[in-house]
Amino acid sequence: MDQFVAKNPLPIGMSDRLNAKCFCTTLDRKTLLRHLEDDTGDDNIWADLQNTHPYLFANSPAFVAEQDLEKMLATVQAIERISRMTAYRDSVLSTAPEITRRDFGPSGVFMGYDFHLTVQGPKLIEINTNAGGAFLNSALLNAQRACCEAANDSFVLPTPGSFETAVAAMFRSEWHLQGRTVPLQTIAIIDDTPQQQYLYPEFILAKSQLERHGFEVIICDPSELSFSDGNLLVGTRTIDLVYNRLVDFTFEKPEHDVLRRAYLEGAVVVTPNPHLHTLLANKGNLILLSDSAALRRMGVSENDIAALATVPRAQLLTPENMAKLWLERKRLFFKPLSGHGGKAVYRGDKITKSTWVDITKGNYIAQELVTPSERGVEVGGNPEARKMDLRLYTYNQELLIAAARLYQGQTTNFRTPGGGFAPVFIV
């Protein structure tokens, strides 16, 4: 979809200066609340949002240079092209669980590519197959006001409805990619105890938007599912497609067994699914994607290898390199192979010896540390700095929407005054 587009591009480096010095408030919270209420027809969940989710939305935008956005998109496209190569797939899937080797056809809705901005350009930090927040960021975009005449001259809002239309087309595409020829009718948004999830408000928004495009949408917990006569059911309603928000990426937990059986039998379209997570979002893939020599041996083009210069070097933590990586820890970031949501991740310069012992017992990768850039915000009338990352929500290599996340601490947490999701202004 169309993102904020620069009509009169500003000088190179202007994005850095704006992120450091522009403390303008562009979010109109009353407009946002009214938009969410009108969009969903549900006043109750949004009325208390400022109390339950006070730092979900930041007051100020993030500024990103157009050339940085182009580099990020080139990285996305290179990764997804490589993921379709036989040599890459054989390498990644060879040691993965059996369930991940079944390719039913879908490309995966709402891929999320997370970047930090550096003086050397954007650096890819993580890839997610069930990236949350896209619907909320669409609403956020439509509640922005120009902070000054210069901003009004430089940026335009996306065409109203373009995100929503693209999302509806995306779900229909996933349905047809699995060989379905009849119209898609029923979508289930599935997560564990969905009403207790921090981003549950997004499920309500997604349901409303998808229903406007003719789908029946059910939000449910896996415990509500049954599998009978080749159909995945919620009550008596047959589910055609599952919009999967679970973080049990291979459906190993007993409570996900019904979904697992229906998926393996091809009785329901699941997106994103275990196959896509293993190909694209398993953290171990960052080891291969940052190894240009290995990629060349696989036959990856030089253009795609060049696009992957944004991927920080990563390696598996093993008994053989453990001592070496302990000595080098201050320039490294440690992540569990099966982790999600920034849990159990550690900056090397913050690791204690007792934590290091725990890390060496698990499956971890050591990734070159990339310090996030900062965004200046105003909190209580005082200027403060917040860390910033950029997320591209994509489908089949195409950008759906871009968003920033402002935070304090090691990872994004939506618990920071002045932080939260922020719209992206391209300069």
Protein backbone atom coordinates (compact mmCIF):
# COMPACT_ATOMS: atom_id res chain seq x y z
CA MET A 1 0.00 0.00 0.00
CA ASP A 2 1.05 3.64 -0.20
CA GLN A 3 3.04 4.75 2.84
CA PHE A 4 3.82 8.39 3.66
CA VAL A 5 5.47 9.56 0.45
CA ALA A 6 7.88 12.48 0.21
CA LYS A 7 6.54 15.08 -2.22
CA ASN A 8 9.51 17.38 -1.73
CA PRO A 9 12.37 15.13 -0.56
CA LEU A 10 14.43 16.62 2.24
CA PRO A 11 18.24 16.57 2.32
CA ILE A 12 20.06 13.31 3.07
CA GLY A 13 20.57 13.04 6.82
CA MET A 14 17.45 15.05 7.56
CA SER A 15 15.72 11.96 8.99
CA ASP A 16 18.42 11.67 11.68
CA ARG A 17 18.08 15.33 12.59
CA LEU A 18 14.31 15.14 12.76
CA ASN A 19 14.41 12.00 14.93
CA ALA A 20 16.77 13.78 17.33
CA LYS A 21 15.21 17.24 17.42
CA CYS A 22 11.57 17.15 16.31
CA PHE A 23 9.40 16.84 19.43
CA CYS A 24 6.12 17.62 17.65
CA THR A 25 2.98 15.70 18.57
CA THR A 26 1.20 14.45 15.46
CA LEU A 27 -1.15 11.90 17.01
CA ASP A 28 -4.69 13.14 17.55
CA ARG A 29 -5.82 10.69 20.23
CA LYS A 30 -9.47 11.75 20.09
CA THR A 31 -9.52 11.12 16.34
CA LEU A 32 -7.83 7.76 16.86
CA LEU A 33 -10.37 6.71 19.48
CA ARG A 34 -13.29 7.86 17.33
CA HIS A 35 -11.85 6.02 14.32
CA LEU A 36 -11.47 2.79 16.30
CA GLU A 37 -14.96 3.03 17.73
CA ASP A 38 -16.51 3.78 14.33
CA ASP A 39 -14.44 1.09 12.65
CA THR A 40 -15.50 -1.68 15.00
CA GLY A 41 -18.85 -0.51 16.35
CA ASP A 42 -17.49 -1.40 19.79
CA ASP A 43 -17.19 1.49 22.25
CA ASN A 44 -16.37 -0.60 25.30
CA ILE A 45 -12.95 -1.99 24.41
CA TRP A 46 -11.60 1.32 23.14
CA ALA A 47 -13.01 3.58 25.86
CA ASP A 48 -10.59 2.20 28.44
CA LEU A 49 -7.65 1.71 26.06
CA GLN A 50 -5.69 4.65 27.45
CA ASN A 51 -5.86 3.04 30.89
CA THR A 52 -5.17 -0.54 29.86
CA HIS A 53 -2.64 0.25 27.09
CA PRO A 54 -1.26 3.71 27.92
CA TYR A 55 1.92 3.25 25.90
CA LEU A 56 0.57 1.36 22.90
CA PHE A 57 0.78 4.44 20.65
CA ALA A 58 3.51 7.08 20.64
CA ASN A 59 2.58 10.73 20.21
CA SER A 60 5.26 11.43 17.60
CA PRO A 61 6.21 9.87 14.27
CA ALA A 62 9.52 8.32 13.27
CA PHE A 63 11.41 9.69 10.28
CA VAL A 64 13.11 7.35 7.83
CA ALA A 65 15.18 8.24 4.79
CA GLU A 66 13.71 7.02 1.53
CA GLN A 67 16.99 5.30 0.59
CA ASP A 68 16.92 3.37 3.87
CA LEU A 69 13.39 2.18 3.16
CA GLU A 70 14.55 1.01 -0.28
CA LYS A 71 17.44 -0.95 1.28
CA MET A 72 15.09 -2.60 3.76
CA LEU A 73 12.70 -3.62 1.00
CA ALA A 74 15.60 -4.98 -1.06
CA THR A 75 16.58 -7.14 1.94
CA VAL A 76 13.03 -8.46 2.27
CA GLN A 77 12.85 -9.33 -1.41
CA ALA A 78 16.24 -11.03 -1.40
CA ILE A 79 15.36 -13.19 1.62
CA GLU A 80 12.06 -14.29 0.15
CA ARG A 81 13.65 -15.11 -3.21
CA ILE A 82 16.34 -17.15 -1.48
CA SER A 83 13.73 -18.96 0.61
CA ARG A 84 12.32 -20.42 -2.62
CA MET A 85 15.65 -21.87 -3.75
CA THR A 86 15.94 -25.65 -3.49
CA ALA A 87 19.41 -25.57 -1.93
CA TYR A 88 18.31 -23.14 0.78
CA ARG A 89 15.13 -25.07 1.54
CA ASP A 90 17.02 -28.36 1.75
CA SER A 91 19.52 -26.81 4.16
CA VAL A 92 16.94 -25.19 6.42
CA LEU A 93 14.40 -28.02 6.44
CA SER A 94 16.80 -30.96 6.71
CA THR A 95 16.99 -30.86 10.51
CA ALA A 96 13.59 -29.26 11.18
CA PRO A 97 10.57 -31.10 12.61
CA GLU A 98 8.62 -33.20 10.13
CA ILE A 99 5.59 -30.90 10.26
CA THR A 100 7.64 -28.04 8.81
CA ARG A 101 8.45 -29.90 5.59
CA ARG A 102 4.89 -29.82 4.28
CA ASP A 103 4.41 -26.92 1.88
CA PHE A 104 0.71 -26.33 1.31
CA GLY A 105 1.25 -23.24 -0.84
CA PRO A 106 0.55 -20.08 1.21
CA SER A 107 3.10 -17.27 1.36
CA GLY A 108 2.28 -16.13 4.90
CA VAL A 109 0.19 -13.12 5.93
CA PHE A 110 1.83 -10.21 7.77
CA MET A 111 5.47 -11.10 7.53
CA GLY A 112 7.39 -8.77 9.83
CA TYR A 113 10.97 -7.64 9.21
CA ASP A 114 12.53 -5.68 12.09
CA PHE A 115 15.41 -3.28 11.48
CA HIS A 116 17.65 -0.96 13.44
CA LEU A 117 18.92 2.17 11.71
CA THR A 118 22.68 2.77 11.89
CA VAL A 119 25.22 5.09 10.32
CA GLN A 120 26.05 2.21 7.97
CA GLY A 121 22.41 1.94 6.97
CA PRO A 122 19.56 -0.31 8.18
CA LYS A 123 20.40 -3.63 9.83
CA LEU A 124 17.97 -6.55 9.97
CA ILE A 125 17.51 -7.74 13.56
CA GLU A 126 14.72 -10.28 13.31
CA ILE A 127 12.13 -11.86 11.05
CA ASN A 128 8.63 -12.74 12.29
CA THR A 129 5.90 -14.80 10.65
CA ASN A 130 3.06 -13.69 12.91
CA ALA A 131 4.00 -10.06 13.37
CA GLY A 132 1.37 -8.21 15.38
CA GLY A 133 0.34 -4.60 15.10
CA ALA A 134 -0.39 -4.00 11.43
CA PHE A 135 -4.10 -3.29 11.88
CA LEU A 136 -3.39 -0.96 14.80
CA ASN A 137 -0.78 0.90 12.79
CA SER A 138 -3.23 1.39 9.95
CA ALA A 139 -5.60 3.08 12.39
CA LEU A 140 -2.72 5.11 13.79
CA LEU A 141 -1.82 6.46 10.36
CA ASN A 142 -5.32 7.79 9.90
CA ALA A 143 -5.16 9.78 13.14
CA GLN A 144 -2.10 11.90 12.31
CA ARG A 145 -2.04 15.64 11.86
CA ALA A 146 0.73 17.73 10.34
CA CYS A 147 2.93 19.22 13.05
CA CYS A 148 3.99 22.20 10.93
CA GLU A 149 3.68 23.65 7.45
CA ALA A 150 6.94 22.03 6.34
CA ALA A 151 5.65 18.57 7.28
CA ASN A 152 2.37 19.25 5.51
CA ASP A 153 4.32 20.10 2.35
CA SER A 154 6.53 16.99 2.56
CA PHE A 155 4.15 14.16 3.46
CA VAL A 156 0.78 12.85 2.38
CA LEU A 157 -1.33 10.21 4.08
CA PRO A 158 -1.98 6.85 2.37
CA THR A 159 -5.07 6.53 0.24
CA PRO A 160 -7.96 5.76 2.61
CA GLY A 161 -8.92 2.10 2.56
CA SER A 162 -5.84 0.93 0.63
CA PHE A 163 -4.47 -1.09 3.56
CA GLU A 164 -7.80 -2.73 4.26
CA THR A 165 -8.31 -3.65 0.61
CA ALA A 166 -4.80 -5.08 0.37
CA VAL A 167 -5.34 -7.18 3.49
CA ALA A 168 -8.59 -8.67 2.17
CA ALA A 169 -6.85 -9.52 -1.10
CA MET A 170 -3.97 -11.09 0.86
CA PHE A 171 -6.24 -13.51 2.71
CA ARG A 172 -8.02 -14.46 -0.52
CA SER A 173 -4.63 -15.05 -2.13
CA GLU A 174 -3.57 -17.40 0.69
CA TRP A 175 -6.81 -19.33 0.24
CA HIS A 176 -6.26 -19.80 -3.49
CA LEU A 177 -2.54 -20.59 -3.11
CA GLN A 178 -3.58 -23.75 -1.26
CA GLY A 179 -5.62 -24.78 -4.27
CA ARG A 180 -9.05 -23.69 -3.10
CA THR A 181 -11.36 -22.66 -5.94
CA VAL A 182 -14.57 -21.79 -4.07
CA PRO A 183 -14.85 -18.40 -2.32
CA LEU A 184 -13.24 -17.96 1.09
CA GLN A 185 -15.97 -17.57 3.68
CA THR A 186 -14.89 -18.15 7.30
CA ILE A 187 -11.68 -16.99 8.99
CA ALA A 188 -10.67 -17.88 12.55
CA ILE A 189 -8.18 -15.65 14.37
CA ILE A 190 -6.55 -18.10 16.75
CA ASP A 191 -4.37 -17.47 19.78
CA ASP A 192 -4.06 -18.89 23.27
CA THR A 193 -6.59 -17.15 25.54
CA PRO A 194 -6.98 -14.35 22.99
CA GLN A 195 -8.82 -11.98 25.33
CA GLN A 196 -5.80 -11.98 27.64
CA GLN A 197 -3.32 -11.09 24.90
CA TYR A 198 -1.92 -7.57 25.05
CA LEU A 199 -2.79 -7.04 21.38
CA TYR A 200 -6.32 -8.42 21.72
CA PRO A 201 -7.71 -5.01 20.63
CA GLU A 202 -6.07 -5.68 17.28
CA PHE A 203 -8.05 -8.91 16.91
CA ILE A 204 -11.26 -6.90 17.31
CA LEU A 205 -10.08 -4.43 14.68
CA ALA A 206 -9.03 -7.21 12.28
CA LYS A 207 -12.39 -8.94 12.68
CA SER A 208 -14.26 -5.76 11.86
CA GLN A 209 -12.18 -4.90 8.80
CA LEU A 210 -12.29 -8.41 7.37
CA GLU A 211 -16.03 -8.68 7.92
CA ARG A 212 -16.52 -5.55 5.83
CA HIS A 213 -15.06 -7.53 2.94
CA GLY A 214 -17.59 -10.32 3.22
CA PHE A 215 -15.81 -12.80 5.51
CA GLU A 216 -17.23 -14.29 8.66
CA VAL A 217 -14.58 -13.92 11.35
CA ILE A 218 -14.32 -15.78 14.67
CA ILE A 219 -11.77 -15.02 17.40
CA CYS A 220 -11.08 -18.15 19.40
CA ASP A 221 -8.79 -20.20 21.60
CA PRO A 222 -7.51 -23.55 20.22
CA SER A 223 -9.52 -25.32 22.94
CA GLU A 224 -12.69 -24.29 21.11
CA LEU A 225 -11.70 -26.23 17.98
CA SER A 226 -12.86 -29.68 16.94
CA PHE A 227 -12.01 -31.77 13.89
CA SER A 228 -14.74 -33.93 12.41
CA ASP A 229 -15.40 -35.45 8.97
CA GLY A 230 -12.46 -33.59 7.48
CA ASN A 231 -13.59 -30.19 8.77
CA LEU A 232 -12.08 -27.88 11.37
CA LEU A 233 -14.95 -26.54 13.46
CA VAL A 234 -15.74 -23.91 16.05
CA GLY A 235 -19.03 -25.14 17.44
CA THR A 236 -20.94 -26.11 14.32
CA ARG A 237 -19.21 -23.55 12.06
CA THR A 238 -16.66 -24.86 9.57
CA ILE A 239 -13.42 -22.85 9.46
CA ASP A 240 -11.94 -22.28 6.01
CA LEU A 241 -8.80 -20.37 7.01
CA VAL A 242 -6.90 -19.86 10.26
CA TYR A 243 -5.11 -16.55 10.80
CA ASN A 244 -2.53 -18.03 13.14
CA ARG A 245 -1.25 -15.86 16.00
CA LEU A 246 0.13 -18.71 18.11
CA VAL A 247 3.77 -18.70 19.18
CA ASP A 248 3.86 -22.50 19.30
CA PHE A 249 5.26 -22.41 15.79
CA THR A 250 5.16 -26.17 15.15
CA PHE A 251 1.94 -26.97 17.06
CA GLU A 252 3.76 -29.19 19.55
CA LYS A 253 1.68 -28.40 22.64
CA PRO A 254 -1.13 -30.88 23.43
CA GLU A 255 -3.71 -28.09 23.42
CA HIS A 256 -2.89 -27.43 19.77
CA ASP A 257 -3.31 -31.03 18.63
CA VAL A 258 -6.67 -30.46 16.91
CA LEU A 259 -5.25 -27.63 14.83
CA ARG A 260 -2.16 -29.73 14.08
CA ARG A 261 -4.24 -32.64 12.75
CA ALA A 262 -6.44 -30.42 10.60
CA TYR A 263 -3.38 -28.63 9.23
CA LEU A 264 -1.50 -31.82 8.34
CA GLU A 265 -4.53 -33.21 6.55
CA GLY A 266 -4.85 -30.02 4.52
CA ALA A 267 -8.39 -29.64 5.84
CA VAL A 268 -7.86 -25.95 6.62
CA VAL A 269 -5.63 -23.20 5.27
CA VAL A 270 -3.30 -22.00 8.04
CA THR A 271 -1.37 -18.78 7.61
CA PRO A 272 1.32 -18.28 8.72
CA ASN A 273 2.17 -21.93 9.22
CA PRO A 274 5.03 -24.15 10.51
CA HIS A 275 6.61 -24.47 7.07
CA LEU A 276 6.83 -20.71 6.60
CA HIS A 277 8.14 -20.07 10.08
CA THR A 278 10.98 -22.53 9.55
CA LEU A 279 11.88 -21.15 6.12
CA LEU A 280 11.76 -17.49 7.07
CA ALA A 281 11.62 -16.77 10.80
CA ASN A 282 13.63 -19.43 12.60
CA LYS A 283 16.46 -17.49 14.21
CA GLY A 284 18.98 -20.06 13.05
CA ASN A 285 18.39 -18.82 9.49
CA LEU A 286 20.20 -15.60 10.39
CA ILE A 287 23.41 -17.64 10.54
CA LEU A 288 23.04 -18.67 6.90
CA LEU A 289 21.66 -15.35 5.68
CA SER A 290 24.70 -13.54 7.10
CA ASP A 291 27.19 -15.98 5.54
CA SER A 292 27.92 -14.73 2.02
CA ALA A 293 30.30 -17.63 1.24
CA ALA A 294 27.64 -20.22 2.07
CA LEU A 295 25.06 -18.32 0.03
CA ARG A 296 27.40 -18.25 -2.97
CA ARG A 297 27.84 -22.02 -2.72
CA MET A 298 24.06 -22.30 -2.91
CA GLY A 299 23.98 -20.26 -6.10
CA VAL A 300 22.50 -17.08 -4.64
CA SER A 301 22.97 -14.12 -6.98
CA GLU A 302 25.50 -11.42 -6.19
CA ASN A 303 22.71 -8.83 -6.19
CA ASP A 304 20.86 -10.72 -3.45
CA ILE A 305 24.05 -11.26 -1.46
CA ALA A 306 24.70 -7.52 -1.64
CA ALA A 307 21.15 -6.84 -0.39
CA LEU A 308 21.86 -9.08 2.60
CA ALA A 309 24.70 -6.84 3.76
CA THR A 310 22.03 -5.52 6.13
CA VAL A 311 22.04 -8.83 8.06
CA PRO A 312 24.42 -8.75 11.06
CA ARG A 313 26.78 -11.72 11.33
CA ALA A 314 25.35 -14.52 13.46
CA GLN A 315 26.68 -17.86 14.66
CA LEU A 316 25.47 -20.78 16.72
CA LEU A 317 26.71 -20.96 20.30
CA THR A 318 28.51 -24.32 20.66
CA PRO A 319 30.81 -25.98 23.19
CA GLU A 320 33.67 -25.36 20.75
CA ASN A 321 33.23 -21.57 20.51
CA MET A 322 31.78 -20.93 23.95
CA ALA A 323 34.98 -19.63 25.54
CA LYS A 324 35.75 -17.40 22.56
CA LEU A 325 32.26 -15.89 22.51
CA TRP A 326 32.40 -15.20 26.24
CA LEU A 327 35.46 -13.08 25.65
CA GLU A 328 33.76 -11.32 22.72
CA ARG A 329 30.37 -11.00 24.43
CA LYS A 330 30.35 -7.21 24.67
CA ARG A 331 29.90 -6.89 20.92
CA LEU A 332 27.26 -9.64 20.69
CA PHE A 333 23.54 -10.15 21.30
CA PHE A 334 22.33 -13.61 22.35
CA LYS A 335 18.96 -15.03 21.26
CA PRO A 336 17.33 -18.44 21.79
CA LEU A 337 16.65 -20.30 18.56
CA SER A 338 13.05 -20.95 19.54
CA GLY A 339 12.38 -17.62 21.26
CA HIS A 340 9.81 -14.97 20.49
CA GLY A 341 8.71 -11.56 21.66
CA GLY A 342 12.12 -10.55 22.97
CA LYS A 343 12.03 -13.18 25.74
CA ALA A 344 15.26 -14.64 27.14
CA VAL A 345 17.44 -12.42 24.95
CA TYR A 346 20.58 -10.79 26.32
CA ARG A 347 23.02 -8.08 25.39
CA GLY A 348 26.47 -9.52 25.86
CA ASP A 349 27.69 -6.57 27.90
CA LYS A 350 24.85 -7.14 30.39
CA ILE A 351 25.31 -10.87 30.89
CA THR A 352 26.33 -12.15 34.32
CA LYS A 353 28.28 -15.36 34.74
CA SER A 354 25.21 -17.13 36.15
CA THR A 355 23.13 -16.09 33.14
CA TRP A 356 25.92 -17.23 30.84
CA VAL A 357 25.74 -20.70 32.38
CA ASP A 358 22.01 -20.82 31.56
CA ILE A 359 22.61 -19.63 27.99
CA THR A 360 25.23 -22.29 27.33
CA LYS A 361 22.72 -24.98 28.32
CA GLY A 362 20.21 -23.89 25.66
CA ASN A 363 20.17 -23.44 21.90
CA TYR A 364 21.32 -19.86 21.33
CA ILE A 365 22.71 -17.81 18.51
CA ALA A 366 25.23 -15.02 18.99
CA GLN A 367 24.43 -12.10 16.70
CA GLU A 368 26.62 -9.08 16.10
CA LEU A 369 25.28 -6.34 18.39
CA VAL A 370 23.56 -3.53 16.51
CA THR A 371 22.72 -0.63 18.77
CA PRO A 372 19.31 0.85 17.89
CA SER A 373 19.02 4.44 16.83
CA GLU A 374 17.13 6.89 19.02
CA ARG A 375 14.05 9.05 18.70
CA GLY A 376 13.68 12.20 20.75
CA VAL A 377 10.27 12.46 22.45
CA GLU A 378 8.67 14.77 24.95
CA VAL A 379 7.59 13.22 28.25
CA GLY A 380 5.98 15.41 30.87
CA GLY A 381 7.23 18.49 29.06
CA ASN A 382 10.84 17.28 29.04
CA PRO A 383 12.84 15.96 26.08
CA GLU A 384 13.93 12.33 26.45
CA ALA A 385 15.46 9.72 24.18
CA ARG A 386 13.79 6.45 23.23
CA LYS A 387 15.25 3.53 21.35
CA MET A 388 13.67 2.89 17.96
CA ASP A 389 13.26 0.00 15.59
CA LEU A 390 11.48 -0.20 12.26
CA ARG A 391 9.13 -2.99 11.22
CA LEU A 392 8.06 -3.66 7.65
CA TYR A 393 4.84 -5.64 7.39
CA THR A 394 4.91 -7.38 4.02
CA TYR A 395 3.12 -9.93 1.92
CA ASN A 396 4.79 -11.84 -0.88
CA GLN A 397 7.69 -9.33 -0.97
CA GLU A 398 5.39 -6.30 -1.11
CA LEU A 399 5.10 -3.66 1.61
CA LEU A 400 1.73 -3.50 3.37
CA ILE A 401 2.64 -0.92 5.98
CA ALA A 402 5.70 0.31 7.88
CA ALA A 403 5.80 1.20 11.55
CA ALA A 404 8.27 2.21 14.21
CA ARG A 405 8.38 1.07 17.81
CA LEU A 406 9.78 3.37 20.49
CA TYR A 407 10.94 1.87 23.79
CA GLN A 408 13.42 1.63 26.64
CA GLY A 409 15.26 -1.46 27.82
CA GLN A 410 16.64 -4.37 25.81
CA THR A 411 13.59 -5.01 23.64
CA THR A 412 10.27 -3.49 22.62
CA ASN A 413 7.86 -3.72 25.54
CA PHE A 414 5.00 -1.18 25.14
CA ARG A 415 5.58 -0.21 28.76
CA THR A 416 7.56 2.99 28.18
CA PRO A 417 6.21 6.54 28.69
CA GLY A 418 6.57 8.29 25.34
CA GLY A 419 6.91 4.93 23.59
CA GLY A 420 4.75 2.57 21.57
CA PHE A 421 3.90 2.19 17.90
CA ALA A 422 4.74 5.25 15.83
CA PRO A 423 3.88 6.04 12.20
CA VAL A 424 6.71 6.26 9.69
CA PHE A 425 7.28 9.47 7.77
CA ILE A 426 9.50 8.99 4.72
CA VAL A 427 11.89 11.90 4.02
